[in-house]
Protein backbone atom coordinates (compact mmCIF):
# COMPACT_ATOMS: atom_id res chain seq x y z
CA UNK A 1 19.17 -73.88 -2.77
CA UNK A 2 15.90 -72.77 -4.36
CA UNK A 3 14.26 -71.10 -1.37
CA UNK A 4 13.49 -67.39 -1.42
CA UNK A 5 15.75 -66.93 1.60
CA UNK A 6 18.81 -68.10 -0.32
CA UNK A 7 17.95 -66.74 -3.76
CA UNK A 8 16.56 -63.28 -2.96
CA UNK A 9 17.72 -62.42 0.55
CA UNK A 10 21.05 -64.13 1.14
CA UNK A 11 21.84 -64.32 -2.60
CA UNK A 12 23.75 -67.60 -2.30
CA UNK A 13 22.24 -70.35 -4.44
CA UNK A 14 25.34 -72.04 -5.81
CA UNK A 15 28.48 -73.51 -4.29
CA UNK A 16 30.49 -71.39 -6.75
CA UNK A 17 29.18 -68.28 -4.98
CA UNK A 18 30.44 -69.55 -1.63
CA UNK A 19 33.81 -70.50 -3.07
CA UNK A 20 34.15 -67.06 -4.68
CA UNK A 21 33.34 -65.31 -1.40
CA UNK A 22 35.84 -67.46 0.47
CA UNK A 23 38.37 -66.74 -2.26
CA UNK A 24 37.95 -63.00 -1.68
CA UNK A 25 38.40 -63.45 2.07
CA UNK A 26 41.57 -65.48 1.45
CA UNK A 27 42.90 -62.73 -0.80
CA UNK A 28 42.19 -60.16 1.94
CA UNK A 29 44.25 -62.22 4.39
CA UNK A 30 47.13 -62.26 1.89
CA UNK A 31 46.84 -58.51 1.28
CA UNK A 32 46.84 -57.89 5.04
CA UNK A 33 50.09 -59.82 5.45
CA UNK A 34 51.67 -58.11 2.47
CA UNK A 35 50.73 -54.71 3.87
CA UNK A 36 53.33 -55.22 6.59
CA UNK A 37 56.08 -55.86 4.05
CA UNK A 38 55.31 -53.65 1.04
CA UNK A 39 54.97 -49.92 0.58
CA UNK A 40 51.44 -48.63 0.05
CA UNK A 41 52.08 -47.90 -3.64
CA UNK A 42 53.42 -51.39 -4.36
CA UNK A 43 50.56 -52.92 -2.39
CA UNK A 44 48.01 -50.93 -4.46
CA UNK A 45 49.53 -52.09 -7.75
CA UNK A 46 49.67 -55.68 -6.53
CA UNK A 47 46.05 -55.47 -5.32
CA UNK A 48 44.97 -54.30 -8.77
CA UNK A 49 46.71 -57.27 -10.42
CA UNK A 50 45.27 -59.68 -7.85
CA UNK A 51 41.80 -58.27 -8.52
CA UNK A 52 42.19 -58.80 -12.27
CA UNK A 53 43.44 -62.34 -11.68
CA UNK A 54 40.56 -63.14 -9.35
CA UNK A 55 38.04 -61.82 -11.85
CA UNK A 56 39.53 -63.85 -14.71
CA UNK A 57 39.55 -67.04 -12.57
CA UNK A 58 35.86 -66.59 -11.72
CA UNK A 59 35.08 -65.97 -15.39
CA UNK A 60 37.03 -69.14 -16.26
CA UNK A 61 34.99 -71.16 -13.77
CA UNK A 62 31.85 -69.74 -15.40
CA UNK A 63 33.29 -70.76 -18.81
CA UNK A 64 33.59 -67.16 -20.04
CA UNK A 65 29.88 -66.56 -20.74
CA UNK A 66 29.06 -64.09 -23.53
CA UNK A 67 26.49 -62.46 -21.24
CA UNK A 68 27.61 -62.73 -17.59
CA UNK A 69 24.38 -61.09 -16.44
CA UNK A 70 22.46 -64.22 -17.36
CA UNK A 71 24.52 -66.41 -15.01
CA UNK A 72 22.79 -66.37 -11.63
CA UNK A 73 25.78 -67.19 -9.46
CA UNK A 74 27.93 -64.55 -11.19
CA UNK A 75 25.28 -61.96 -10.30
CA UNK A 76 25.44 -63.19 -6.71
CA UNK A 77 29.22 -62.89 -6.62
CA UNK A 78 28.91 -59.43 -8.16
CA UNK A 79 26.60 -58.40 -5.29
CA UNK A 80 28.84 -59.76 -2.55
CA UNK A 81 32.00 -58.28 -4.03
CA UNK A 82 30.10 -55.03 -4.42
CA UNK A 83 29.55 -55.02 -0.67
CA UNK A 84 33.27 -54.39 -0.28
CA UNK A 85 33.99 -52.31 -3.37
CA UNK A 86 30.88 -50.15 -3.48
CA UNK A 87 30.74 -49.96 0.30
CA UNK A 88 34.24 -48.52 0.36
CA UNK A 89 33.36 -45.98 -2.32
CA UNK A 90 30.38 -44.91 -0.21
CA UNK A 91 32.74 -44.28 2.68
CA UNK A 92 34.88 -42.05 0.48
CA UNK A 93 31.85 -40.23 -0.91
CA UNK A 94 30.72 -39.68 2.68
CA UNK A 95 33.80 -37.47 3.09
CA UNK A 96 33.40 -35.45 -0.10
CA UNK A 97 30.84 -32.85 1.04
CA UNK A 98 32.44 -32.04 4.43
CA UNK A 99 35.95 -31.93 2.91
CA UNK A 100 34.91 -29.62 0.08
CA UNK A 101 32.72 -27.38 2.23
CA UNK A 102 35.21 -26.95 5.06
CA UNK A 103 38.27 -26.74 2.78
CA UNK A 104 36.83 -23.99 0.57
CA UNK A 105 35.82 -21.87 3.57
CA UNK A 106 39.28 -22.41 5.03
CA UNK A 107 41.24 -21.51 1.90
CA UNK A 108 39.28 -18.30 1.27
CA UNK A 109 39.36 -17.04 4.82
CA UNK A 110 43.14 -17.65 4.90
CA UNK A 111 43.91 -16.00 1.55
CA UNK A 112 46.49 -13.23 1.90
CA UNK A 113 45.71 -9.67 0.90
CA UNK A 114 47.37 -9.83 -2.51
CA UNK A 115 45.41 -12.93 -3.48
CA UNK A 116 41.74 -13.10 -4.34
CA UNK A 117 39.12 -15.69 -5.06
CA UNK A 118 38.43 -14.43 -8.57
CA UNK A 119 42.00 -15.15 -9.72
CA UNK A 120 41.91 -18.59 -8.11
CA UNK A 121 38.58 -19.34 -9.79
CA UNK A 122 39.29 -18.22 -13.34
CA UNK A 123 42.76 -19.79 -13.36
CA UNK A 124 41.30 -23.08 -12.15
CA UNK A 125 38.44 -23.07 -14.67
CA UNK A 126 40.78 -22.01 -17.51
CA UNK A 127 43.15 -24.90 -16.78
CA UNK A 128 40.37 -27.48 -16.45
CA UNK A 129 38.56 -26.45 -19.64
CA UNK A 130 41.82 -25.87 -21.52
CA UNK A 131 43.12 -29.36 -20.85
CA UNK A 132 39.71 -30.80 -21.76
CA UNK A 133 39.78 -29.04 -25.14
CA UNK A 134 43.33 -30.33 -25.66
CA UNK A 135 42.15 -33.86 -24.78
CA UNK A 136 39.42 -33.57 -27.41
CA UNK A 137 41.95 -32.56 -30.07
CA UNK A 138 44.17 -35.54 -29.18
CA UNK A 139 41.18 -37.88 -29.42
CA UNK A 140 40.11 -36.46 -32.80
CA UNK A 141 43.56 -37.13 -34.23
CA UNK A 142 43.68 -40.67 -32.84
CA UNK A 143 40.14 -41.44 -34.00
CA UNK A 144 41.03 -40.45 -37.56
CA UNK A 145 44.25 -42.48 -37.50
CA UNK A 146 42.24 -45.54 -36.40
CA UNK A 147 39.40 -44.67 -38.83
CA UNK A 148 36.85 -45.44 -36.13
CA UNK A 149 33.43 -46.28 -37.51
CA UNK A 150 34.53 -46.40 -41.14
CA UNK A 151 34.12 -50.16 -41.43
CA UNK A 152 30.84 -50.16 -39.44
CA UNK A 153 32.44 -52.40 -36.81
CA UNK A 154 30.02 -51.04 -34.21
CA UNK A 155 26.50 -52.40 -34.56
CA UNK A 156 23.52 -50.10 -34.15
CA UNK A 157 21.28 -50.88 -31.20
CA UNK A 158 18.12 -49.70 -29.54
CA UNK A 159 19.93 -47.24 -27.26
CA UNK A 160 18.20 -43.90 -27.16
CA UNK A 161 19.83 -40.53 -26.69
CA UNK A 162 19.69 -39.19 -23.18
CA UNK A 163 17.57 -36.18 -22.29
CA UNK A 164 19.59 -33.06 -23.01
CA UNK A 165 19.69 -30.15 -20.59
CA UNK A 166 20.38 -26.71 -22.12
CA UNK A 167 23.70 -25.17 -21.05
CA UNK A 168 21.88 -22.20 -19.49
CA UNK A 169 19.83 -24.52 -17.28
CA UNK A 170 22.99 -26.42 -16.34
CA UNK A 171 24.71 -23.20 -15.24
CA UNK A 172 21.63 -22.08 -13.28
CA UNK A 173 21.61 -25.40 -11.42
CA UNK A 174 25.19 -24.74 -10.31
CA UNK A 175 23.95 -21.74 -8.30
CA UNK A 176 22.62 -23.15 -5.01
CA UNK A 177 19.05 -22.15 -4.18
CA UNK A 178 19.15 -24.65 -1.31
CA UNK A 179 22.67 -25.37 0.02
CA UNK A 180 21.45 -28.31 2.11
CA UNK A 181 19.90 -29.93 -0.96
CA UNK A 182 23.12 -29.24 -2.90
CA UNK A 183 25.03 -31.15 -0.22
CA UNK A 184 22.52 -34.02 -0.31
CA UNK A 185 22.81 -34.18 -4.11
CA UNK A 186 26.64 -33.86 -4.03
CA UNK A 187 26.39 -30.81 -6.28
CA UNK A 188 30.04 -29.93 -5.75
CA UNK A 189 30.10 -26.67 -7.72
CA UNK A 190 27.06 -25.42 -5.80
CA UNK A 191 28.75 -26.35 -2.53
CA UNK A 192 31.89 -24.49 -3.62
CA UNK A 193 29.81 -21.38 -4.41
CA UNK A 194 28.06 -21.47 -1.02
CA UNK A 195 31.30 -22.12 0.89
CA UNK A 196 33.03 -19.34 -1.08
CA UNK A 197 30.47 -16.77 0.09
CA UNK A 198 30.94 -17.87 3.71
CA UNK A 199 34.72 -17.66 3.34
CA UNK A 200 34.51 -14.19 1.77
CA UNK A 201 32.19 -13.04 4.58
CA UNK A 202 34.64 -14.28 7.24
CA UNK A 203 37.55 -12.63 5.45
CA UNK A 204 35.67 -9.33 5.18
CA UNK A 205 34.36 -9.31 8.76
CA UNK A 206 37.60 -10.51 10.32
CA UNK A 207 39.18 -7.08 9.99
CA UNK A 208 36.89 -5.51 12.60
CA UNK A 209 35.35 -8.53 14.33
CA UNK A 210 38.31 -10.81 14.91
CA UNK A 211 37.41 -11.70 18.50
CA UNK A 212 33.77 -12.51 17.70
CA UNK A 213 34.76 -14.69 14.73
CA UNK A 214 37.61 -16.49 16.49
CA UNK A 215 35.43 -19.40 17.78
CA UNK A 216 34.02 -20.08 14.30
CA UNK A 217 37.44 -19.81 12.65
CA UNK A 218 38.80 -22.22 15.26
CA UNK A 219 35.88 -24.57 14.58
CA UNK A 220 36.67 -24.59 10.84
CA UNK A 221 40.38 -25.29 11.48
CA UNK A 222 39.58 -28.09 13.96
CA UNK A 223 36.95 -29.58 11.66
CA UNK A 224 39.42 -29.63 8.79
CA UNK A 225 41.99 -31.55 10.84
CA UNK A 226 39.36 -34.03 12.00
CA UNK A 227 37.92 -34.75 8.55
CA UNK A 228 41.38 -35.15 7.04
CA UNK A 229 42.29 -37.64 9.77
CA UNK A 230 39.08 -39.58 9.13
CA UNK A 231 39.96 -39.73 5.42
CA UNK A 232 43.43 -41.09 6.22
CA UNK A 233 41.88 -43.86 8.33
CA UNK A 234 39.55 -44.84 5.49
CA UNK A 235 42.34 -44.68 2.89
CA UNK A 236 44.23 -47.40 4.78
CA UNK A 237 41.55 -49.89 3.68
CA UNK A 238 41.92 -49.00 0.00
CA UNK A 239 43.94 -52.08 -1.15
CA UNK A 240 41.09 -54.39 -0.08
CA UNK A 241 38.53 -52.32 -1.97
CA UNK A 242 40.72 -52.24 -5.08
CA UNK A 243 40.78 -56.06 -5.21
CA UNK A 244 36.99 -56.25 -5.05
CA UNK A 245 36.40 -53.38 -7.49
CA UNK A 246 38.79 -54.73 -10.09
CA UNK A 247 37.50 -58.29 -9.82
CA UNK A 248 33.91 -57.06 -10.09
CA UNK A 249 34.61 -55.22 -13.33
CA UNK A 250 35.83 -58.44 -14.96
CA UNK A 251 33.03 -60.53 -13.42
CA UNK A 252 30.22 -58.21 -14.49
CA UNK A 253 31.35 -57.56 -18.06
CA UNK A 254 33.33 -60.61 -19.03
CA UNK A 255 36.03 -60.91 -21.66
CA UNK A 256 33.89 -61.54 -24.74
CA UNK A 257 32.21 -58.13 -24.70
CA UNK A 258 35.58 -56.47 -25.24
CA UNK A 259 36.39 -58.14 -28.57
CA UNK A 260 33.61 -56.54 -30.63
CA UNK A 261 34.88 -52.99 -30.11
CA UNK A 262 38.58 -53.62 -29.58
CA UNK A 263 39.59 -50.88 -32.02
CA UNK A 264 37.66 -48.27 -30.03
CA UNK A 265 39.15 -49.51 -26.75
CA UNK A 266 42.70 -49.34 -28.13
CA UNK A 267 42.09 -45.86 -29.59
CA UNK A 268 40.71 -44.62 -26.27
CA UNK A 269 43.60 -45.92 -24.19
CA UNK A 270 46.17 -44.59 -26.67
CA UNK A 271 44.47 -41.20 -26.44
CA UNK A 272 44.59 -41.44 -22.65
CA UNK A 273 48.30 -42.34 -22.76
CA UNK A 274 49.11 -39.40 -25.04
CA UNK A 275 47.17 -36.98 -22.85
CA UNK A 276 48.77 -38.43 -19.72
CA UNK A 277 52.19 -37.71 -21.24
CA UNK A 278 51.05 -34.15 -22.02
CA UNK A 279 50.04 -33.84 -18.37
CA UNK A 280 53.52 -34.95 -17.32
CA UNK A 281 55.08 -32.36 -19.65
CA UNK A 282 52.93 -29.67 -18.02
CA UNK A 283 53.95 -30.99 -14.60
CA UNK A 284 57.66 -30.84 -15.49
CA UNK A 285 57.31 -27.29 -16.83
CA UNK A 286 56.00 -26.34 -13.41
CA UNK A 287 59.09 -27.59 -11.60
CA UNK A 288 58.05 -31.10 -10.52
CA UNK A 289 59.91 -34.23 -11.59
CA UNK A 290 57.41 -36.36 -13.59
CA UNK A 291 58.73 -39.64 -12.18
CA UNK A 292 58.40 -38.39 -8.62
CA UNK A 293 54.98 -37.00 -9.49
CA UNK A 294 53.71 -40.40 -10.63
CA UNK A 295 55.08 -42.00 -7.48
CA UNK A 296 53.44 -39.36 -5.27
CA UNK A 297 49.98 -39.55 -6.90
CA UNK A 298 49.83 -43.29 -7.65
CA UNK A 299 47.32 -43.82 -4.85
CA UNK A 300 44.49 -41.65 -6.29
CA UNK A 301 45.28 -42.80 -9.85
CA UNK A 302 44.92 -46.49 -8.98
CA UNK A 303 41.75 -45.82 -6.98
CA UNK A 304 40.30 -43.79 -9.87
CA UNK A 305 41.07 -46.62 -12.31
CA UNK A 306 39.44 -49.30 -10.19
CA UNK A 307 36.53 -47.32 -8.71
CA UNK A 308 35.56 -45.31 -11.82
CA UNK A 309 34.55 -42.37 -9.62
CA UNK A 310 36.30 -39.00 -9.84
CA UNK A 311 34.14 -37.74 -6.98
CA UNK A 312 34.93 -40.69 -4.74
CA UNK A 313 38.64 -40.27 -5.40
CA UNK A 314 38.57 -36.61 -4.37
CA UNK A 315 39.66 -37.07 -0.71
CA UNK A 316 42.57 -39.29 -1.77
CA UNK A 317 43.67 -36.83 -4.47
CA UNK A 318 43.67 -33.94 -2.00
CA UNK A 319 45.70 -36.00 0.46
CA UNK A 320 48.29 -36.91 -2.20
CA UNK A 321 48.65 -33.33 -3.41
CA UNK A 322 49.03 -31.83 0.06
CA UNK A 323 51.07 -34.51 1.82
CA UNK A 324 53.27 -35.73 -1.04
CA UNK A 325 53.56 -32.78 -3.42
CA UNK A 326 53.39 -30.19 -0.59
CA UNK A 327 50.76 -28.13 -2.37
CA UNK A 328 48.74 -25.71 -0.25
CA UNK A 329 45.73 -27.52 1.22
CA UNK A 330 43.31 -24.79 0.21
CA UNK A 331 44.40 -24.60 -3.42
CA UNK A 332 44.40 -28.40 -3.71
CA UNK A 333 40.90 -28.63 -2.26
CA UNK A 334 39.54 -25.80 -4.40
CA UNK A 335 40.88 -26.91 -7.79
CA UNK A 336 40.24 -30.63 -7.36
CA UNK A 337 36.72 -29.92 -6.10
CA UNK A 338 35.97 -27.99 -9.28
CA UNK A 339 37.73 -30.70 -11.28
CA UNK A 340 35.36 -33.34 -9.94
CA UNK A 341 32.47 -31.58 -11.70
CA UNK A 342 33.90 -29.83 -14.74
CA UNK A 343 36.69 -30.11 -17.29
CA UNK A 344 37.07 -33.89 -17.10
CA UNK A 345 39.77 -34.76 -19.63
CA UNK A 346 38.67 -38.37 -20.06
CA UNK A 347 34.89 -38.50 -19.70
CA UNK A 348 34.12 -35.03 -21.07
CA UNK A 349 37.07 -34.65 -23.47
CA UNK A 350 38.49 -37.79 -25.04
CA UNK A 351 35.39 -40.01 -24.89
CA UNK A 352 32.87 -37.66 -26.57
CA UNK A 353 35.42 -36.76 -29.27
CA UNK A 354 36.06 -40.42 -30.13
CA UNK A 355 32.34 -41.18 -30.12
CA UNK A 356 31.55 -38.16 -32.31
CA UNK A 357 34.10 -39.15 -34.97
CA UNK A 358 32.94 -42.79 -34.83
CA UNK A 359 29.28 -41.90 -35.25
CA UNK A 360 30.07 -39.34 -37.96
CA UNK A 361 31.94 -41.98 -39.96
CA UNK A 362 29.18 -44.55 -39.47
CA UNK A 363 26.52 -42.09 -40.61
CA UNK A 364 28.54 -40.79 -43.54
CA UNK A 365 28.71 -37.26 -42.14
CA UNK A 366 31.29 -35.02 -43.80
CA UNK A 367 33.98 -33.95 -41.34
CA UNK A 368 35.94 -30.80 -42.15
CA UNK A 369 37.76 -28.10 -40.22
CA UNK A 370 34.48 -26.39 -39.23
CA UNK A 371 33.10 -29.70 -37.93
CA UNK A 372 36.15 -30.33 -35.76
CA UNK A 373 36.26 -26.74 -34.48
CA UNK A 374 32.60 -26.91 -33.47
CA UNK A 375 33.21 -30.31 -31.87
CA UNK A 376 36.04 -29.00 -29.66
CA UNK A 377 34.01 -25.94 -28.62
CA UNK A 378 30.91 -28.00 -27.80
CA UNK A 379 33.04 -30.46 -25.78
CA UNK A 380 34.70 -27.67 -23.76
CA UNK A 381 31.37 -25.98 -22.96
CA UNK A 382 29.49 -29.20 -22.22
CA UNK A 383 32.20 -30.30 -19.78
CA UNK A 384 30.81 -27.78 -17.28
CA UNK A 385 28.84 -29.47 -14.53
CA UNK A 386 29.54 -33.12 -15.45
CA UNK A 387 29.22 -35.00 -12.16
CA UNK A 388 32.21 -37.11 -11.12
CA UNK A 389 30.37 -40.39 -10.65
CA UNK A 390 30.28 -43.60 -12.74
CA UNK A 391 28.04 -43.46 -15.81
CA UNK A 392 27.87 -39.71 -16.44
CA UNK A 393 30.15 -39.96 -19.49
CA UNK A 394 27.13 -41.25 -21.43
CA UNK A 395 25.36 -37.99 -20.64
CA UNK A 396 28.39 -36.04 -21.84
CA UNK A 397 28.32 -37.99 -25.12
CA UNK A 398 24.59 -37.28 -25.50
CA UNK A 399 25.15 -33.55 -25.08
CA UNK A 400 28.05 -33.45 -27.55
CA UNK A 401 26.40 -35.65 -30.20
CA UNK A 402 23.27 -33.51 -30.08
CA UNK A 403 25.33 -30.32 -30.04
CA UNK A 404 26.98 -31.16 -33.37
CA UNK A 405 23.73 -32.29 -34.97
CA UNK A 406 24.19 -36.08 -34.87
CA UNK A 407 21.56 -36.86 -32.23
CA UNK A 408 19.56 -39.06 -34.60
CA UNK A 409 22.51 -41.45 -34.93
CA UNK A 410 23.05 -41.96 -31.19
CA UNK A 411 21.79 -45.61 -31.37
CA UNK A 412 24.92 -46.45 -33.37
CA UNK A 413 26.88 -46.11 -30.13
CA UNK A 414 25.14 -49.09 -28.52
CA UNK A 415 28.01 -51.56 -28.89
CA UNK A 416 30.42 -49.14 -27.25
CA UNK A 417 28.08 -48.21 -24.40
CA UNK A 418 27.70 -51.92 -23.61
CA UNK A 419 31.31 -52.15 -22.43
CA UNK A 420 31.41 -48.68 -20.85
CA UNK A 421 32.95 -49.82 -17.51
CA UNK A 422 36.05 -51.09 -19.35
CA UNK A 423 36.41 -47.65 -20.95
CA UNK A 424 35.47 -45.76 -17.81
CA UNK A 425 38.43 -47.02 -15.81
CA UNK A 426 41.00 -45.28 -18.00
CA UNK A 427 38.79 -42.22 -18.53
CA UNK A 428 38.34 -41.69 -14.80
CA UNK A 429 42.05 -42.03 -14.13
CA UNK A 430 42.71 -39.31 -16.71
CA UNK A 431 39.96 -37.15 -15.19
CA UNK A 432 41.70 -37.26 -11.82
CA UNK A 433 45.16 -36.73 -13.28
CA UNK A 434 43.90 -33.75 -15.27
CA UNK A 435 42.44 -32.28 -12.10
CA UNK A 436 45.70 -32.79 -10.20
CA UNK A 437 47.74 -31.37 -13.10
CA UNK A 438 45.55 -28.26 -13.09
CA UNK A 439 46.07 -28.01 -9.33
CA UNK A 440 49.85 -28.09 -9.75
CA UNK A 441 49.71 -25.29 -12.35
CA UNK A 442 47.36 -23.09 -10.30
CA UNK A 443 49.45 -23.69 -7.16
CA UNK A 444 52.57 -22.65 -9.08
CA UNK A 445 50.87 -19.45 -10.23
CA UNK A 446 50.04 -18.68 -6.60
CA UNK A 447 53.47 -19.92 -5.44
CA UNK A 448 51.73 -22.51 -3.29
CA UNK A 449 53.93 -25.54 -3.97
CA UNK A 450 57.32 -26.70 -2.85
CA UNK A 451 60.22 -26.68 -5.29
CA UNK A 452 61.51 -29.87 -3.68
CA UNK A 453 58.60 -31.98 -4.91
């Protein structure tokens, strides 16, 4: 099959590609039948395992190539599987802007007299940045225990440091000069700011203009119900997407690329586990059983792990918090929306801290109390405005490495950046869990959660 039609348009030039596509379809049939027998949580876990198995089988057929990108038919399978996985993520991202915009207006216009947006905002930001700083501290301790970079296990490469944007410019960009452009760019913080002003205006005007505003208020309430129902319909297809997303991660990166930086991978996932336990402690201190919590939020956690998109997981996280944990819809929407762009515990907390210690050890940089203090502060500040989409953790690392004066040694991170998707799965899951943990705490402060959760 050497024709342009097959190689460039249809992207099927090998029988292995066809077999892999048929294998995915067969798995979908199995998942569909299992969906009638298993609970959604069990089906999601099983779909993840099936996806891993499918990816390993395809890698086995390809004889575990050291560079999967050089195998033509693996690239073709990656494209076709991406049709399902990436297509599903696009459906979820389609919901993000309307959910955030409508939800924020709704929560502010329905705030009671004793509550105000300033308290909701600073409590949310304080929790998100506080847990990110705590994540960085955990990662620093783990990195030193593992002595990352001491033995020069990571090989320098030609990677160049990303362009750094000053923190002032980052903050300015969060203020929407064009709300329509902010929506098109999925600038969530800017959307929150714009929606907040509309909500405040409605709340202020509603005292003397209730009749005139009633149609618009009714429109917001109806729109919210509609968009939530649309999200529930899309969520039902999640197990199929999880299979394709998980399989694609294995297919695209292979098994061999993991071995060279296994110590970093282990250190990262141990850091994630420790921080996840800290999250559960915080959850329990706020009156929610940790075991029940995990059961209730398993859906967004599994999706975050397989999709590697905090932003794409946002509608599912809101649904889990409101329907399962009985947290107020407005508070859940507000905090998780902010959490999709700032204070990411995994991508903006643990990952930059591990990378900083690794690069410092490789470059022979002296690390003392002042170094670590500056590192935690830079990480907390730089976590503002980090977009919740795959790949932005590299930008976070660039900002942090430059902020502590190690920008010249950024190429040393090349071996780690090469297997970033493997790292990003756990990081993204922690991002989402940190956001949901912050939501639980803020909801408790506002008495917006059920004690029966």
